[in-house]
Amino acid sequence: MELQQLRYVIAVSETLNFTRAAERCHVVQSALSHRVAALEKELGARLFDRTNRSVRLTAAGEAFLPQARAALAATERAADEVAATFGGVRGTVTVGMIPTFTVFDVVDVLRTYRAAYPDATVRLRSGASEVLIEGVRTGTVDLALLGVPDGFSTAGVVARRLAVDHLVLVVPEAERVDGPLTLSATADRPYADYPAGGAGRAESDQAFERAGVRRTVAFEVDRSETMLELIAAGLCVGMAARETVPDGAGLAVVPLVDGPTRSQLLVHSKLLSPAARALLTVMDHHTQ
């Protein structure tokens, strides 16, 4: 079993296509396919089911993939640790971030980091909190900046609460009212919210449940920008952290007496590379 074979397996699992995996790894497809087949023979199990139209992981492949990622990451980390003993920070750090993170200016953090560690590479990943924290657990994300409701599980990672936000009601500018309001006073309006089952939706669902009030979610969105556009068009109302609502965009905010809260968290894996540790230090300085 060779490290290059692990890289090939990971590339195929992420692209679900041998041609695209070969392009990513800068080899011809026949060479990549041959090395993956050789690994499968060594393991005594097929890692992928292949047809003319699709590629998917087998049960053996699902079991093998996390260990392949961990082994490859450990090897790369070992080389980075050696470089760090000579004062150099290199390697790649993957940072996940929800679009509505507001505790510090991420661009400013990356500017400071880049100036101090020009040999390190940063990969930015945007997504939902529940997806990003799973990435931290599985090792595909090093650090993540999240927004989560009460009761959100951070098992398996190191988590730090950076701030607690009290969400406000967002309405069209023409419907600006003096607040604060209760959730029951807003329940007859159509709402825009994030997909059910996710951390972003749970914040508001929990608040309405505590208030004993039912509402109608007329629009499910996966981007905060889309939610604000729908509200500005007069189609609905929604809830958001005040800092994420731009001024002059046809929107107004109204405080809520019993509105949702969300915690903004910094989470990371228990074992960090030198590049990730250095970025964590810069983030720490920006939260002080």
C-alpha atoms as a PDB file:
ATOM      1  CA  MET A   1       0.000   0.000   0.000  1.00  0.00           C
ATOM      2  CA  GLU A   2       1.475   3.318  -1.101  1.00  0.00           C
ATOM      3  CA  LEU A   3       0.587   6.915  -0.321  1.00  0.00           C
ATOM      4  CA  GLN A   4      -0.095   7.635  -3.978  1.00  0.00           C
ATOM      5  CA  GLN A   5      -2.698   4.885  -4.013  1.00  0.00           C
ATOM      6  CA  LEU A   6      -4.407   6.531  -1.061  1.00  0.00           C
ATOM      7  CA  ARG A   7      -4.434   9.840  -2.926  1.00  0.00           C
ATOM      8  CA  TYR A   8      -6.003   8.146  -5.943  1.00  0.00           C
ATOM      9  CA  VAL A   9      -8.721   6.487  -3.856  1.00  0.00           C
ATOM     10  CA  ILE A  10      -9.564   9.787  -2.165  1.00  0.00           C
ATOM     11  CA  ALA A  11      -9.716  11.597  -5.512  1.00  0.00           C
ATOM     12  CA  VAL A  12     -12.045   8.980  -7.003  1.00  0.00           C
ATOM     13  CA  SER A  13     -14.276   9.045  -3.915  1.00  0.00           C
ATOM     14  CA  GLU A  14     -14.605  12.842  -4.149  1.00  0.00           C
ATOM     15  CA  THR A  15     -15.197  13.056  -7.895  1.00  0.00           C
ATOM     16  CA  LEU A  16     -16.958   9.699  -8.395  1.00  0.00           C
ATOM     17  CA  ASN A  17     -15.296   9.681 -11.781  1.00  0.00           C
ATOM     18  CA  PHE A  18     -11.977   8.052 -12.723  1.00  0.00           C
ATOM     19  CA  THR A  19     -11.285  10.519 -15.523  1.00  0.00           C
ATOM     20  CA  ARG A  20     -11.768  13.583 -13.334  1.00  0.00           C
ATOM     21  CA  ALA A  21      -9.798  11.939 -10.519  1.00  0.00           C
ATOM     22  CA  ALA A  22      -6.896  11.319 -12.894  1.00  0.00           C
ATOM     23  CA  GLU A  23      -6.993  14.941 -14.057  1.00  0.00           C
ATOM     24  CA  ARG A  24      -6.937  16.112 -10.443  1.00  0.00           C
ATOM     25  CA  CYS A  25      -3.936  13.869  -9.690  1.00  0.00           C
ATOM     26  CA  HIS A  26      -2.156  14.809 -12.951  1.00  0.00           C
ATOM     27  CA  VAL A  27      -1.879  11.213 -14.237  1.00  0.00           C
ATOM     28  CA  VAL A  28      -3.442   9.352 -17.114  1.00  0.00           C
ATOM     29  CA  GLN A  29      -6.637   7.499 -16.281  1.00  0.00           C
ATOM     30  CA  SER A  30      -5.216   4.078 -17.100  1.00  0.00           C
ATOM     31  CA  ALA A  31      -2.411   4.531 -14.570  1.00  0.00           C
ATOM     32  CA  LEU A  32      -4.788   5.658 -11.846  1.00  0.00           C
ATOM     33  CA  SER A  33      -7.213   2.819 -12.540  1.00  0.00           C
ATOM     34  CA  HIS A  34      -4.390   0.296 -12.502  1.00  0.00           C
ATOM     35  CA  ARG A  35      -3.075   1.504  -9.130  1.00  0.00           C
ATOM     36  CA  VAL A  36      -6.545   1.498  -7.564  1.00  0.00           C
ATOM     37  CA  ALA A  37      -7.145  -2.017  -8.872  1.00  0.00           C
ATOM     38  CA  ALA A  38      -3.792  -3.126  -7.450  1.00  0.00           C
ATOM     39  CA  LEU A  39      -4.765  -1.741  -4.051  1.00  0.00           C
ATOM     40  CA  GLU A  40      -8.122  -3.515  -4.193  1.00  0.00           C
ATOM     41  CA  LYS A  41      -6.302  -6.768  -4.968  1.00  0.00           C
ATOM     42  CA  GLU A  42      -3.966  -6.194  -2.014  1.00  0.00           C
ATOM     43  CA  LEU A  43      -6.896  -5.502   0.298  1.00  0.00           C
ATOM     44  CA  GLY A  44      -8.956  -8.392  -1.047  1.00  0.00           C
ATOM     45  CA  ALA A  45     -12.011  -6.176  -1.529  1.00  0.00           C
ATOM     46  CA  ARG A  46     -13.440  -3.825  -4.140  1.00  0.00           C
ATOM     47  CA  LEU A  47     -13.472  -0.200  -3.018  1.00  0.00           C
ATOM     48  CA  PHE A  48     -15.655   1.025  -5.884  1.00  0.00           C
ATOM     49  CA  ASP A  49     -18.560  -0.308  -7.883  1.00  0.00           C
ATOM     50  CA  ARG A  50     -18.020   0.743 -11.484  1.00  0.00           C
ATOM     51  CA  THR A  51     -20.487   0.857 -14.348  1.00  0.00           C
ATOM     52  CA  ASN A  52     -20.380   2.639 -17.676  1.00  0.00           C
ATOM     53  CA  ARG A  53     -22.376   5.480 -16.161  1.00  0.00           C
ATOM     54  CA  SER A  54     -21.445   5.712 -12.509  1.00  0.00           C
ATOM     55  CA  VAL A  55     -18.880   5.079  -9.811  1.00  0.00           C
ATOM     56  CA  ARG A  56     -19.771   4.634  -6.164  1.00  0.00           C
ATOM     57  CA  LEU A  57     -18.042   3.488  -3.003  1.00  0.00           C
ATOM     58  CA  THR A  58     -18.707  -0.037  -1.810  1.00  0.00           C
ATOM     59  CA  ALA A  59     -19.200  -0.815   1.875  1.00  0.00           C
ATOM     60  CA  ALA A  60     -15.506  -1.702   2.007  1.00  0.00           C
ATOM     61  CA  GLY A  61     -14.685   1.613   0.351  1.00  0.00           C
ATOM     62  CA  GLU A  62     -16.793   3.514   2.883  1.00  0.00           C
ATOM     63  CA  ALA A  63     -14.872   1.796   5.682  1.00  0.00           C
ATOM     64  CA  PHE A  64     -11.489   2.361   4.037  1.00  0.00           C
ATOM     65  CA  LEU A  65     -11.871   6.025   3.068  1.00  0.00           C
ATOM     66  CA  PRO A  66     -11.669   7.681   6.535  1.00  0.00           C
ATOM     67  CA  GLN A  67      -8.577   5.654   7.366  1.00  0.00           C
ATOM     68  CA  ALA A  68      -6.981   6.537   4.034  1.00  0.00           C
ATOM     69  CA  ARG A  69      -7.587  10.217   4.695  1.00  0.00           C
ATOM     70  CA  ALA A  70      -6.212   9.908   8.222  1.00  0.00           C
ATOM     71  CA  ALA A  71      -3.086   8.073   7.051  1.00  0.00           C
ATOM     72  CA  LEU A  72      -2.382  10.590   4.308  1.00  0.00           C
ATOM     73  CA  ALA A  73      -2.995  13.516   6.644  1.00  0.00           C
ATOM     74  CA  ALA A  74      -0.688  12.018   9.273  1.00  0.00           C
ATOM     75  CA  THR A  75       2.089  11.620   6.722  1.00  0.00           C
ATOM     76  CA  GLU A  76       1.740  15.186   5.493  1.00  0.00           C
ATOM     77  CA  ARG A  77       1.540  16.451   9.062  1.00  0.00           C
ATOM     78  CA  ALA A  78       4.759  14.634   9.950  1.00  0.00           C
ATOM     79  CA  ALA A  79       6.629  16.460   7.196  1.00  0.00           C
ATOM     80  CA  ASP A  80       5.110  19.776   8.278  1.00  0.00           C
ATOM     81  CA  GLU A  81       6.096  19.145  11.897  1.00  0.00           C
ATOM     82  CA  VAL A  82       9.713  18.612  10.831  1.00  0.00           C
ATOM     83  CA  ALA A  83       9.658  21.889   8.915  1.00  0.00           C
ATOM     84  CA  ALA A  84       8.176  23.622  11.961  1.00  0.00           C
ATOM     85  CA  THR A  85      11.155  22.622  14.101  1.00  0.00           C
ATOM     86  CA  PHE A  86      13.261  24.837  11.837  1.00  0.00           C
ATOM     87  CA  GLY A  87      10.863  27.746  12.218  1.00  0.00           C
ATOM     88  CA  GLY A  88       8.948  27.209   9.000  1.00  0.00           C
ATOM     89  CA  VAL A  89       5.175  26.856   8.776  1.00  0.00           C
ATOM     90  CA  ARG A  90       3.990  25.249   5.589  1.00  0.00           C
ATOM     91  CA  GLY A  91       1.256  22.921   4.421  1.00  0.00           C
ATOM     92  CA  THR A  92      -2.446  23.441   3.915  1.00  0.00           C
ATOM     93  CA  VAL A  93      -5.118  24.373   6.434  1.00  0.00           C
ATOM     94  CA  THR A  94      -8.793  23.947   5.568  1.00  0.00           C
ATOM     95  CA  VAL A  95     -11.187  26.423   7.153  1.00  0.00           C
ATOM     96  CA  GLY A  96     -14.955  26.003   7.122  1.00  0.00           C
ATOM     97  CA  MET A  97     -17.197  28.997   7.705  1.00  0.00           C
ATOM     98  CA  ILE A  98     -20.905  29.735   7.675  1.00  0.00           C
ATOM     99  CA  PRO A  99     -21.721  32.774   5.493  1.00  0.00           C
ATOM    100  CA  THR A 100     -23.214  34.674   8.451  1.00  0.00           C
ATOM    101  CA  PHE A 101     -20.238  34.467  10.822  1.00  0.00           C
ATOM    102  CA  THR A 102     -19.687  37.918  12.368  1.00  0.00           C
ATOM    103  CA  VAL A 103     -17.383  37.693  15.399  1.00  0.00           C
ATOM    104  CA  PHE A 104     -14.288  38.878  13.547  1.00  0.00           C
ATOM    105  CA  ASP A 105     -13.284  39.869  10.039  1.00  0.00           C
ATOM    106  CA  VAL A 106     -12.087  36.650   8.426  1.00  0.00           C
ATOM    107  CA  VAL A 107     -10.385  38.510   5.576  1.00  0.00           C
ATOM    108  CA  ASP A 108      -8.403  40.529   8.102  1.00  0.00           C
ATOM    109  CA  VAL A 109      -7.380  37.313   9.870  1.00  0.00           C
ATOM    110  CA  LEU A 110      -6.200  35.790   6.601  1.00  0.00           C
ATOM    111  CA  ARG A 111      -4.287  38.959   5.726  1.00  0.00           C
ATOM    112  CA  THR A 112      -2.386  38.724   9.015  1.00  0.00           C
ATOM    113  CA  TYR A 113      -1.832  34.995   8.581  1.00  0.00           C
ATOM    114  CA  ARG A 114      -0.575  35.310   5.023  1.00  0.00           C
ATOM    115  CA  ALA A 115       1.878  38.023   5.972  1.00  0.00           C
ATOM    116  CA  ALA A 116       3.301  35.902   8.787  1.00  0.00           C
ATOM    117  CA  TYR A 117       3.248  32.509   7.027  1.00  0.00           C
ATOM    118  CA  PRO A 118       3.595  32.967   3.266  1.00  0.00           C
ATOM    119  CA  ASP A 119       4.449  29.281   2.681  1.00  0.00           C
ATOM    120  CA  ALA A 120       1.127  28.053   4.081  1.00  0.00           C
ATOM    121  CA  THR A 121      -1.976  27.551   1.953  1.00  0.00           C
ATOM    122  CA  VAL A 122      -5.548  28.158   3.133  1.00  0.00           C
ATOM    123  CA  ARG A 123      -8.570  26.380   1.708  1.00  0.00           C
ATOM    124  CA  LEU A 124     -11.891  28.073   2.489  1.00  0.00           C
ATOM    125  CA  ARG A 125     -15.077  26.023   2.607  1.00  0.00           C
ATOM    126  CA  SER A 126     -18.535  27.547   3.049  1.00  0.00           C
ATOM    127  CA  GLY A 127     -21.481  25.532   4.270  1.00  0.00           C
ATOM    128  CA  ALA A 128     -23.983  24.734   6.974  1.00  0.00           C
ATOM    129  CA  SER A 129     -22.782  24.269  10.541  1.00  0.00           C
ATOM    130  CA  GLU A 130     -23.809  20.617  10.718  1.00  0.00           C
ATOM    131  CA  VAL A 131     -21.866  19.857   7.532  1.00  0.00           C
ATOM    132  CA  LEU A 132     -18.747  21.749   8.574  1.00  0.00           C
ATOM    133  CA  ILE A 133     -18.513  20.185  12.031  1.00  0.00           C
ATOM    134  CA  GLU A 134     -18.772  16.749  10.451  1.00  0.00           C
ATOM    135  CA  GLY A 135     -15.849  17.773   8.259  1.00  0.00           C
ATOM    136  CA  VAL A 136     -13.853  18.582  11.390  1.00  0.00           C
ATOM    137  CA  ARG A 137     -14.759  15.194  12.866  1.00  0.00           C
ATOM    138  CA  THR A 138     -13.692  13.317   9.746  1.00  0.00           C
ATOM    139  CA  GLY A 139     -10.532  15.348   9.185  1.00  0.00           C
ATOM    140  CA  THR A 140     -11.509  17.113   5.949  1.00  0.00           C
ATOM    141  CA  VAL A 141     -11.776  20.469   7.767  1.00  0.00           C
ATOM    142  CA  ASP A 142      -9.210  21.706  10.299  1.00  0.00           C
ATOM    143  CA  LEU A 143     -11.054  24.665  11.825  1.00  0.00           C
ATOM    144  CA  ALA A 144     -14.646  25.816  11.451  1.00  0.00           C
ATOM    145  CA  LEU A 145     -16.582  28.957  12.354  1.00  0.00           C
ATOM    146  CA  LEU A 146     -20.180  28.021  13.112  1.00  0.00           C
ATOM    147  CA  GLY A 147     -23.537  29.431  14.206  1.00  0.00           C
ATOM    148  CA  VAL A 148     -25.575  26.904  16.199  1.00  0.00           C
ATOM    149  CA  PRO A 149     -28.720  26.607  18.342  1.00  0.00           C
ATOM    150  CA  ASP A 150     -28.974  25.410  21.928  1.00  0.00           C
ATOM    151  CA  GLY A 151     -28.224  21.717  22.292  1.00  0.00           C
ATOM    152  CA  PHE A 152     -26.032  21.478  19.197  1.00  0.00           C
ATOM    153  CA  SER A 153     -23.595  18.584  19.691  1.00  0.00           C
ATOM    154  CA  THR A 154     -19.880  19.320  19.538  1.00  0.00           C
ATOM    155  CA  ALA A 155     -18.834  15.785  20.497  1.00  0.00           C
ATOM    156  CA  GLY A 156     -15.525  14.719  19.011  1.00  0.00           C
ATOM    157  CA  VAL A 157     -14.127  18.220  18.461  1.00  0.00           C
ATOM    158  CA  VAL A 158     -12.672  21.067  20.485  1.00  0.00           C
ATOM    159  CA  ALA A 159     -15.258  23.853  20.678  1.00  0.00           C
ATOM    160  CA  ARG A 160     -15.164  27.400  21.976  1.00  0.00           C
ATOM    161  CA  ARG A 161     -18.117  29.804  22.168  1.00  0.00           C
ATOM    162  CA  LEU A 162     -17.143  33.196  20.766  1.00  0.00           C
ATOM    163  CA  ALA A 163     -20.451  35.066  20.996  1.00  0.00           C
ATOM    164  CA  VAL A 164     -24.181  34.680  21.563  1.00  0.00           C
ATOM    165  CA  ASP A 165     -26.496  36.511  19.158  1.00  0.00           C
ATOM    166  CA  HIS A 166     -30.124  37.480  19.739  1.00  0.00           C
ATOM    167  CA  LEU A 167     -31.772  37.232  16.337  1.00  0.00           C
ATOM    168  CA  VAL A 168     -34.059  40.002  15.116  1.00  0.00           C
ATOM    169  CA  LEU A 169     -37.102  39.958  12.870  1.00  0.00           C
ATOM    170  CA  VAL A 170     -36.352  41.160   9.351  1.00  0.00           C
ATOM    171  CA  VAL A 171     -39.229  42.784   7.426  1.00  0.00           C
ATOM    172  CA  PRO A 172     -39.578  44.828   4.233  1.00  0.00           C
ATOM    173  CA  GLU A 173     -38.589  48.467   4.709  1.00  0.00           C
ATOM    174  CA  ALA A 174     -42.174  49.600   4.038  1.00  0.00           C
ATOM    175  CA  GLU A 175     -43.380  47.505   6.972  1.00  0.00           C
ATOM    176  CA  ARG A 176     -41.012  48.926   9.580  1.00  0.00           C
ATOM    177  CA  VAL A 177     -42.651  48.862  13.027  1.00  0.00           C
ATOM    178  CA  ASP A 178     -41.594  49.835  16.504  1.00  0.00           C
ATOM    179  CA  GLY A 179     -40.559  46.872  18.602  1.00  0.00           C
ATOM    180  CA  PRO A 180     -39.982  44.778  20.366  1.00  0.00           C
ATOM    181  CA  LEU A 181     -42.493  42.163  19.198  1.00  0.00           C
ATOM    182  CA  THR A 182     -43.296  38.693  20.454  1.00  0.00           C
ATOM    183  CA  LEU A 183     -43.123  35.669  18.187  1.00  0.00           C
ATOM    184  CA  SER A 184     -46.879  35.220  18.506  1.00  0.00           C
ATOM    185  CA  ALA A 185     -47.346  38.660  16.939  1.00  0.00           C
ATOM    186  CA  THR A 186     -45.425  37.517  13.852  1.00  0.00           C
ATOM    187  CA  ALA A 187     -46.827  34.008  13.452  1.00  0.00           C
ATOM    188  CA  ASP A 188     -49.471  34.962  10.886  1.00  0.00           C
ATOM    189  CA  ARG A 189     -46.806  36.125   8.410  1.00  0.00           C
ATOM    190  CA  PRO A 190     -45.192  33.804   5.850  1.00  0.00           C
ATOM    191  CA  TYR A 191     -41.574  33.143   6.780  1.00  0.00           C
ATOM    192  CA  ALA A 192     -38.390  32.403   4.876  1.00  0.00           C
ATOM    193  CA  ASP A 193     -36.010  30.080   6.671  1.00  0.00           C
ATOM    194  CA  TYR A 194     -33.274  27.518   6.140  1.00  0.00           C
ATOM    195  CA  PRO A 195     -34.020  23.864   5.313  1.00  0.00           C
ATOM    196  CA  ALA A 196     -35.616  21.780   8.050  1.00  0.00           C
ATOM    197  CA  GLY A 197     -33.193  19.600   9.992  1.00  0.00           C
ATOM    198  CA  GLY A 198     -30.245  21.977   9.837  1.00  0.00           C
ATOM    199  CA  ALA A 199     -28.706  24.095  12.583  1.00  0.00           C
ATOM    200  CA  GLY A 200     -29.844  27.367  10.997  1.00  0.00           C
ATOM    201  CA  ARG A 201     -33.477  26.264  10.979  1.00  0.00           C
ATOM    202  CA  ALA A 202     -33.320  24.746  14.465  1.00  0.00           C
ATOM    203  CA  GLU A 203     -32.625  28.157  16.014  1.00  0.00           C
ATOM    204  CA  SER A 204     -35.998  29.548  14.982  1.00  0.00           C
ATOM    205  CA  ASP A 205     -37.922  26.277  15.299  1.00  0.00           C
ATOM    206  CA  GLN A 206     -36.815  25.954  18.934  1.00  0.00           C
ATOM    207  CA  ALA A 207     -37.865  29.539  19.703  1.00  0.00           C
ATOM    208  CA  PHE A 208     -41.363  29.050  18.255  1.00  0.00           C
ATOM    209  CA  GLU A 209     -41.700  25.754  20.110  1.00  0.00           C
ATOM    210  CA  ARG A 210     -40.767  27.432  23.388  1.00  0.00           C
ATOM    211  CA  ALA A 211     -43.326  30.166  22.684  1.00  0.00           C
ATOM    212  CA  GLY A 212     -46.012  27.592  21.922  1.00  0.00           C
ATOM    213  CA  VAL A 213     -46.651  29.222  18.550  1.00  0.00           C
ATOM    214  CA  ARG A 214     -46.936  27.740  15.070  1.00  0.00           C
ATOM    215  CA  ARG A 215     -45.864  29.543  11.910  1.00  0.00           C
ATOM    216  CA  THR A 216     -45.760  28.892   8.179  1.00  0.00           C
ATOM    217  CA  VAL A 217     -42.406  28.614   6.418  1.00  0.00           C
ATOM    218  CA  ALA A 218     -43.355  29.589   2.885  1.00  0.00           C
ATOM    219  CA  PHE A 219     -39.816  29.676   1.502  1.00  0.00           C
ATOM    220  CA  GLU A 220     -36.901  27.363   2.302  1.00  0.00           C
ATOM    221  CA  VAL A 221     -33.555  28.837   1.257  1.00  0.00           C
ATOM    222  CA  ASP A 222     -29.950  27.729   1.501  1.00  0.00           C
ATOM    223  CA  ARG A 223     -28.386  31.195   1.414  1.00  0.00           C
ATOM    224  CA  SER A 224     -28.939  34.147   3.720  1.00  0.00           C
ATOM    225  CA  GLU A 225     -28.707  36.496   0.724  1.00  0.00           C
ATOM    226  CA  THR A 226     -31.677  34.753  -0.888  1.00  0.00           C
ATOM    227  CA  MET A 227     -33.708  35.091   2.298  1.00  0.00           C
ATOM    228  CA  LEU A 228     -33.044  38.838   2.470  1.00  0.00           C
ATOM    229  CA  GLU A 229     -33.929  39.294  -1.197  1.00  0.00           C
ATOM    230  CA  LEU A 230     -37.293  37.576  -0.667  1.00  0.00           C
ATOM    231  CA  ILE A 231     -37.996  39.749   2.357  1.00  0.00           C
ATOM    232  CA  ALA A 232     -37.059  42.946   0.528  1.00  0.00           C
ATOM    233  CA  ALA A 233     -39.468  41.935  -2.252  1.00  0.00           C
ATOM    234  CA  GLY A 234     -42.294  41.858   0.274  1.00  0.00           C
ATOM    235  CA  LEU A 235     -42.885  38.105   0.024  1.00  0.00           C
ATOM    236  CA  CYS A 236     -42.173  37.142   3.617  1.00  0.00           C
ATOM    237  CA  VAL A 237     -40.362  37.925   6.841  1.00  0.00           C
ATOM    238  CA  GLY A 238     -37.424  36.153   8.444  1.00  0.00           C
ATOM    239  CA  MET A 239     -34.968  36.195  11.302  1.00  0.00           C
ATOM    240  CA  ALA A 240     -31.253  36.910  11.299  1.00  0.00           C
ATOM    241  CA  ALA A 241     -28.398  38.274  13.340  1.00  0.00           C
ATOM    242  CA  ARG A 242     -28.540  42.075  13.200  1.00  0.00           C
ATOM    243  CA  GLU A 243     -24.975  42.340  11.887  1.00  0.00           C
ATOM    244  CA  THR A 244     -25.851  40.298   8.795  1.00  0.00           C
ATOM    245  CA  VAL A 245     -28.660  42.607   7.623  1.00  0.00           C
ATOM    246  CA  PRO A 246     -27.255  45.310   5.319  1.00  0.00           C
ATOM    247  CA  ASP A 247     -28.455  48.876   5.622  1.00  0.00           C
ATOM    248  CA  GLY A 248     -30.153  50.438   2.628  1.00  0.00           C
ATOM    249  CA  ALA A 249     -31.266  47.138   1.107  1.00  0.00           C
ATOM    250  CA  GLY A 250     -35.025  47.641   1.431  1.00  0.00           C
ATOM    251  CA  LEU A 251     -35.053  45.931   4.824  1.00  0.00           C
ATOM    252  CA  ALA A 252     -35.914  46.834   8.388  1.00  0.00           C
ATOM    253  CA  VAL A 253     -35.171  45.006  11.626  1.00  0.00           C
ATOM    254  CA  VAL A 254     -37.435  44.652  14.638  1.00  0.00           C
ATOM    255  CA  PRO A 255     -36.248  43.406  18.062  1.00  0.00           C
ATOM    256  CA  LEU A 256     -37.953  40.282  19.408  1.00  0.00           C
ATOM    257  CA  VAL A 257     -38.845  39.692  23.047  1.00  0.00           C
ATOM    258  CA  ASP A 258     -38.626  35.915  22.811  1.00  0.00           C
ATOM    259  CA  GLY A 259     -36.665  35.513  19.602  1.00  0.00           C
ATOM    260  CA  PRO A 260     -34.061  32.847  18.857  1.00  0.00           C
ATOM    261  CA  THR A 261     -30.469  32.928  20.001  1.00  0.00           C
ATOM    262  CA  ARG A 262     -27.485  31.388  18.299  1.00  0.00           C
ATOM    263  CA  SER A 263     -23.976  30.707  19.530  1.00  0.00           C
ATOM    264  CA  GLN A 264     -21.070  31.444  17.244  1.00  0.00           C
ATOM    265  CA  LEU A 265     -18.427  28.793  17.775  1.00  0.00           C
ATOM    266  CA  LEU A 266     -14.853  28.127  16.790  1.00  0.00           C
ATOM    267  CA  VAL A 267     -14.315  24.385  16.524  1.00  0.00           C
ATOM    268  CA  HIS A 268     -11.278  22.403  15.511  1.00  0.00           C
ATOM    269  CA  SER A 269      -9.877  18.916  15.534  1.00  0.00           C
ATOM    270  CA  LYS A 270      -7.950  17.693  18.550  1.00  0.00           C
ATOM    271  CA  LEU A 271      -4.771  17.170  16.532  1.00  0.00           C
ATOM    272  CA  LEU A 272      -3.750  20.182  14.462  1.00  0.00           C
ATOM    273  CA  SER A 273      -0.991  20.648  11.910  1.00  0.00           C
ATOM    274  CA  PRO A 274       1.545  23.468  12.391  1.00  0.00           C
ATOM    275  CA  ALA A 275      -0.271  25.514   9.733  1.00  0.00           C
ATOM    276  CA  ALA A 276      -3.604  25.046  11.512  1.00  0.00           C
ATOM    277  CA  ARG A 277      -2.104  25.818  14.933  1.00  0.00           C
ATOM    278  CA  ALA A 278      -0.630  29.043  13.572  1.00  0.00           C
ATOM    279  CA  LEU A 279      -3.971  30.093  12.100  1.00  0.00           C
ATOM    280  CA  LEU A 280      -5.715  29.297  15.371  1.00  0.00           C
ATOM    281  CA  THR A 281      -3.270  31.600  17.159  1.00  0.00           C
ATOM    282  CA  VAL A 282      -4.049  34.438  14.747  1.00  0.00           C
ATOM    283  CA  MET A 283      -7.775  33.885  15.238  1.00  0.00           C
ATOM    284  CA  ASP A 284      -7.281  33.968  19.006  1.00  0.00           C
ATOM    285  CA  HIS A 285      -5.625  37.386  18.739  1.00  0.00           C
ATOM    286  CA  HIS A 286      -8.591  38.712  16.741  1.00  0.00           C
ATOM    287  CA  THR A 287     -11.123  37.567  19.339  1.00  0.00           C
ATOM    288  CA  GLN A 288      -9.423  39.255  22.275  1.00  0.00           C
END
